[in-house]
Amino acid sequence: MLIKTDKGRNELQPGQRALGQRVRAILLVADGRKPTASLQALFNGDGRALVEQLLAGGYLCLLYTSR
């Protein structure tokens, strides 16, 4: 699962627009409850590359849970 970093939360503040609309949409729904695969499946599968972009840019990070 993925969660927003401080950088990701800052991107979603009013007046902050460094990312495109589709990338921001994924950032909005990354809440630590949705499986990573469901985010990657967005936009007809293009979500995978967008998630990778957000991870590489420091907007998202992986949330590790013990089960």
N, C-alpha and C. Protein backbone atom coordinates (compact mmCIF):
# COMPACT_ATOMS: atom_id res chain seq x y z
N MET A 1 0.83 -1.18 0.00
CA MET A 1 0.00 0.00 0.00
C MET A 1 0.88 1.24 0.00
N LEU A 2 0.32 2.31 -0.50
CA LEU A 2 1.07 3.55 -0.67
C LEU A 2 0.47 4.67 0.16
N ILE A 3 1.33 5.51 0.69
CA ILE A 3 0.88 6.69 1.42
C ILE A 3 1.61 7.93 0.90
N LYS A 4 1.00 9.07 1.11
CA LYS A 4 1.61 10.33 0.70
C LYS A 4 2.74 10.70 1.65
N THR A 5 3.77 11.26 1.10
CA THR A 5 4.84 11.84 1.91
C THR A 5 4.48 13.30 2.18
N ASP A 6 5.30 13.99 2.94
CA ASP A 6 5.08 15.42 3.15
C ASP A 6 5.08 16.16 1.81
N LYS A 7 5.97 15.76 0.92
CA LYS A 7 6.04 16.38 -0.40
C LYS A 7 4.73 16.15 -1.16
N GLY A 8 4.17 14.94 -1.04
CA GLY A 8 2.90 14.63 -1.69
C GLY A 8 1.75 15.43 -1.12
N ARG A 9 1.71 15.56 0.19
CA ARG A 9 0.65 16.36 0.81
C ARG A 9 0.77 17.84 0.42
N ASN A 10 2.00 18.33 0.33
CA ASN A 10 2.21 19.72 -0.09
C ASN A 10 1.73 19.96 -1.52
N GLU A 11 1.94 18.97 -2.38
CA GLU A 11 1.50 19.08 -3.78
C GLU A 11 -0.02 19.28 -3.88
N LEU A 12 -0.75 18.74 -2.94
CA LEU A 12 -2.21 18.82 -2.98
C LEU A 12 -2.77 20.09 -2.34
N GLN A 13 -1.90 20.93 -1.82
CA GLN A 13 -2.36 22.19 -1.24
C GLN A 13 -2.76 23.16 -2.35
N PRO A 14 -3.70 24.05 -2.05
CA PRO A 14 -4.11 25.05 -3.05
C PRO A 14 -2.92 25.84 -3.56
N GLY A 15 -2.90 26.05 -4.87
CA GLY A 15 -1.83 26.84 -5.49
C GLY A 15 -0.61 26.04 -5.87
N GLN A 16 -0.54 24.78 -5.47
CA GLN A 16 0.61 23.93 -5.80
C GLN A 16 0.23 23.04 -6.98
N ARG A 17 0.94 23.17 -8.10
CA ARG A 17 0.61 22.37 -9.28
C ARG A 17 1.88 21.97 -10.04
N ALA A 18 2.70 21.15 -9.46
CA ALA A 18 3.89 20.68 -10.15
C ALA A 18 3.61 19.44 -10.99
N LEU A 19 2.50 18.75 -10.71
CA LEU A 19 2.17 17.49 -11.37
C LEU A 19 0.95 17.65 -12.27
N GLY A 20 0.85 16.76 -13.25
CA GLY A 20 -0.31 16.74 -14.13
C GLY A 20 -1.55 16.19 -13.43
N GLN A 21 -2.68 16.34 -14.10
CA GLN A 21 -3.97 15.98 -13.51
C GLN A 21 -4.08 14.49 -13.19
N ARG A 22 -3.64 13.61 -14.08
CA ARG A 22 -3.76 12.17 -13.82
C ARG A 22 -2.85 11.74 -12.67
N VAL A 23 -1.66 12.30 -12.61
CA VAL A 23 -0.73 11.95 -11.53
C VAL A 23 -1.30 12.44 -10.20
N ARG A 24 -1.85 13.65 -10.20
CA ARG A 24 -2.46 14.19 -8.97
C ARG A 24 -3.66 13.35 -8.53
N ALA A 25 -4.40 12.82 -9.50
CA ALA A 25 -5.56 11.98 -9.16
C ALA A 25 -5.11 10.74 -8.39
N ILE A 26 -4.04 10.13 -8.81
CA ILE A 26 -3.51 8.97 -8.09
C ILE A 26 -3.01 9.40 -6.72
N LEU A 27 -2.35 10.52 -6.66
CA LEU A 27 -1.86 11.03 -5.38
C LEU A 27 -3.02 11.26 -4.41
N LEU A 28 -4.12 11.76 -4.91
CA LEU A 28 -5.30 12.01 -4.07
C LEU A 28 -5.83 10.75 -3.41
N VAL A 29 -5.87 9.65 -4.17
CA VAL A 29 -6.49 8.43 -3.64
C VAL A 29 -5.52 7.50 -2.91
N ALA A 30 -4.24 7.83 -2.92
CA ALA A 30 -3.25 7.02 -2.19
C ALA A 30 -3.38 7.34 -0.70
N ASP A 31 -4.05 6.47 0.02
CA ASP A 31 -4.37 6.75 1.42
C ASP A 31 -3.89 5.68 2.39
N GLY A 32 -3.12 4.72 1.89
CA GLY A 32 -2.63 3.66 2.77
C GLY A 32 -3.64 2.55 2.99
N ARG A 33 -4.80 2.64 2.38
CA ARG A 33 -5.82 1.60 2.52
C ARG A 33 -6.08 0.86 1.22
N LYS A 34 -5.83 1.51 0.11
CA LYS A 34 -6.06 0.88 -1.19
C LYS A 34 -4.81 0.10 -1.59
N PRO A 35 -4.99 -1.11 -2.09
CA PRO A 35 -3.82 -1.88 -2.54
C PRO A 35 -3.09 -1.16 -3.68
N THR A 36 -1.79 -1.30 -3.69
CA THR A 36 -0.97 -0.68 -4.73
C THR A 36 -1.45 -1.09 -6.11
N ALA A 37 -1.83 -2.36 -6.26
CA ALA A 37 -2.28 -2.86 -7.56
C ALA A 37 -3.52 -2.12 -8.06
N SER A 38 -4.39 -1.71 -7.16
CA SER A 38 -5.60 -1.00 -7.60
C SER A 38 -5.24 0.39 -8.12
N LEU A 39 -4.24 1.02 -7.55
CA LEU A 39 -3.78 2.32 -8.06
C LEU A 39 -3.07 2.16 -9.39
N GLN A 40 -2.30 1.10 -9.51
CA GLN A 40 -1.57 0.86 -10.75
C GLN A 40 -2.51 0.52 -11.90
N ALA A 41 -3.69 0.01 -11.61
CA ALA A 41 -4.65 -0.37 -12.65
C ALA A 41 -5.43 0.83 -13.20
N LEU A 42 -5.34 1.97 -12.55
CA LEU A 42 -6.08 3.15 -13.00
C LEU A 42 -5.63 3.59 -14.39
N PHE A 43 -6.50 4.31 -15.08
CA PHE A 43 -6.20 4.87 -16.39
C PHE A 43 -5.78 3.79 -17.39
N ASN A 44 -6.57 2.72 -17.41
CA ASN A 44 -6.34 1.60 -18.35
C ASN A 44 -4.93 1.03 -18.23
N GLY A 45 -4.44 0.94 -17.00
CA GLY A 45 -3.13 0.36 -16.76
C GLY A 45 -1.99 1.35 -16.78
N ASP A 46 -2.24 2.58 -17.24
CA ASP A 46 -1.18 3.59 -17.23
C ASP A 46 -0.82 4.01 -15.81
N GLY A 47 -1.66 3.65 -14.86
CA GLY A 47 -1.41 3.99 -13.48
C GLY A 47 -0.09 3.45 -12.95
N ARG A 48 0.35 2.32 -13.51
CA ARG A 48 1.62 1.72 -13.06
C ARG A 48 2.77 2.71 -13.23
N ALA A 49 2.88 3.31 -14.41
CA ALA A 49 3.96 4.26 -14.67
C ALA A 49 3.79 5.52 -13.83
N LEU A 50 2.55 5.93 -13.62
CA LEU A 50 2.30 7.13 -12.82
C LEU A 50 2.67 6.90 -11.35
N VAL A 51 2.35 5.72 -10.84
CA VAL A 51 2.73 5.38 -9.46
C VAL A 51 4.25 5.37 -9.34
N GLU A 52 4.92 4.79 -10.32
CA GLU A 52 6.39 4.77 -10.30
C GLU A 52 6.96 6.19 -10.31
N GLN A 53 6.32 7.07 -11.08
CA GLN A 53 6.75 8.47 -11.13
C GLN A 53 6.60 9.13 -9.77
N LEU A 54 5.48 8.87 -9.10
CA LEU A 54 5.25 9.44 -7.78
C LEU A 54 6.21 8.89 -6.74
N LEU A 55 6.51 7.62 -6.82
CA LEU A 55 7.49 7.01 -5.90
C LEU A 55 8.88 7.60 -6.13
N ALA A 56 9.29 7.66 -7.40
CA ALA A 56 10.63 8.17 -7.72
C ALA A 56 10.77 9.64 -7.36
N GLY A 57 9.67 10.39 -7.46
CA GLY A 57 9.72 11.82 -7.16
C GLY A 57 9.58 12.13 -5.68
N GLY A 58 9.33 11.10 -4.87
CA GLY A 58 9.23 11.32 -3.43
C GLY A 58 7.86 11.78 -2.97
N TYR A 59 6.83 11.65 -3.82
CA TYR A 59 5.48 12.05 -3.45
C TYR A 59 4.73 10.96 -2.70
N LEU A 60 5.11 9.71 -2.96
CA LEU A 60 4.51 8.54 -2.30
C LEU A 60 5.62 7.67 -1.73
N CYS A 61 5.26 6.89 -0.72
CA CYS A 61 6.16 5.86 -0.21
C CYS A 61 5.35 4.62 0.12
N LEU A 62 6.02 3.50 0.16
CA LEU A 62 5.36 2.24 0.47
C LEU A 62 5.09 2.16 1.97
N LEU A 63 3.91 1.70 2.30
CA LEU A 63 3.54 1.45 3.68
C LEU A 63 3.62 -0.04 3.91
N TYR A 64 4.50 -0.44 4.78
CA TYR A 64 4.67 -1.86 5.08
C TYR A 64 3.82 -2.20 6.30
N THR A 65 3.04 -3.25 6.16
CA THR A 65 2.20 -3.71 7.25
C THR A 65 2.55 -5.15 7.58
N SER A 66 2.43 -5.50 8.81
CA SER A 66 2.66 -6.89 9.21
C SER A 66 1.32 -7.58 9.33
N ARG A 67 1.22 -8.74 8.75
CA ARG A 67 -0.03 -9.49 8.78
C ARG A 67 0.23 -10.88 9.26
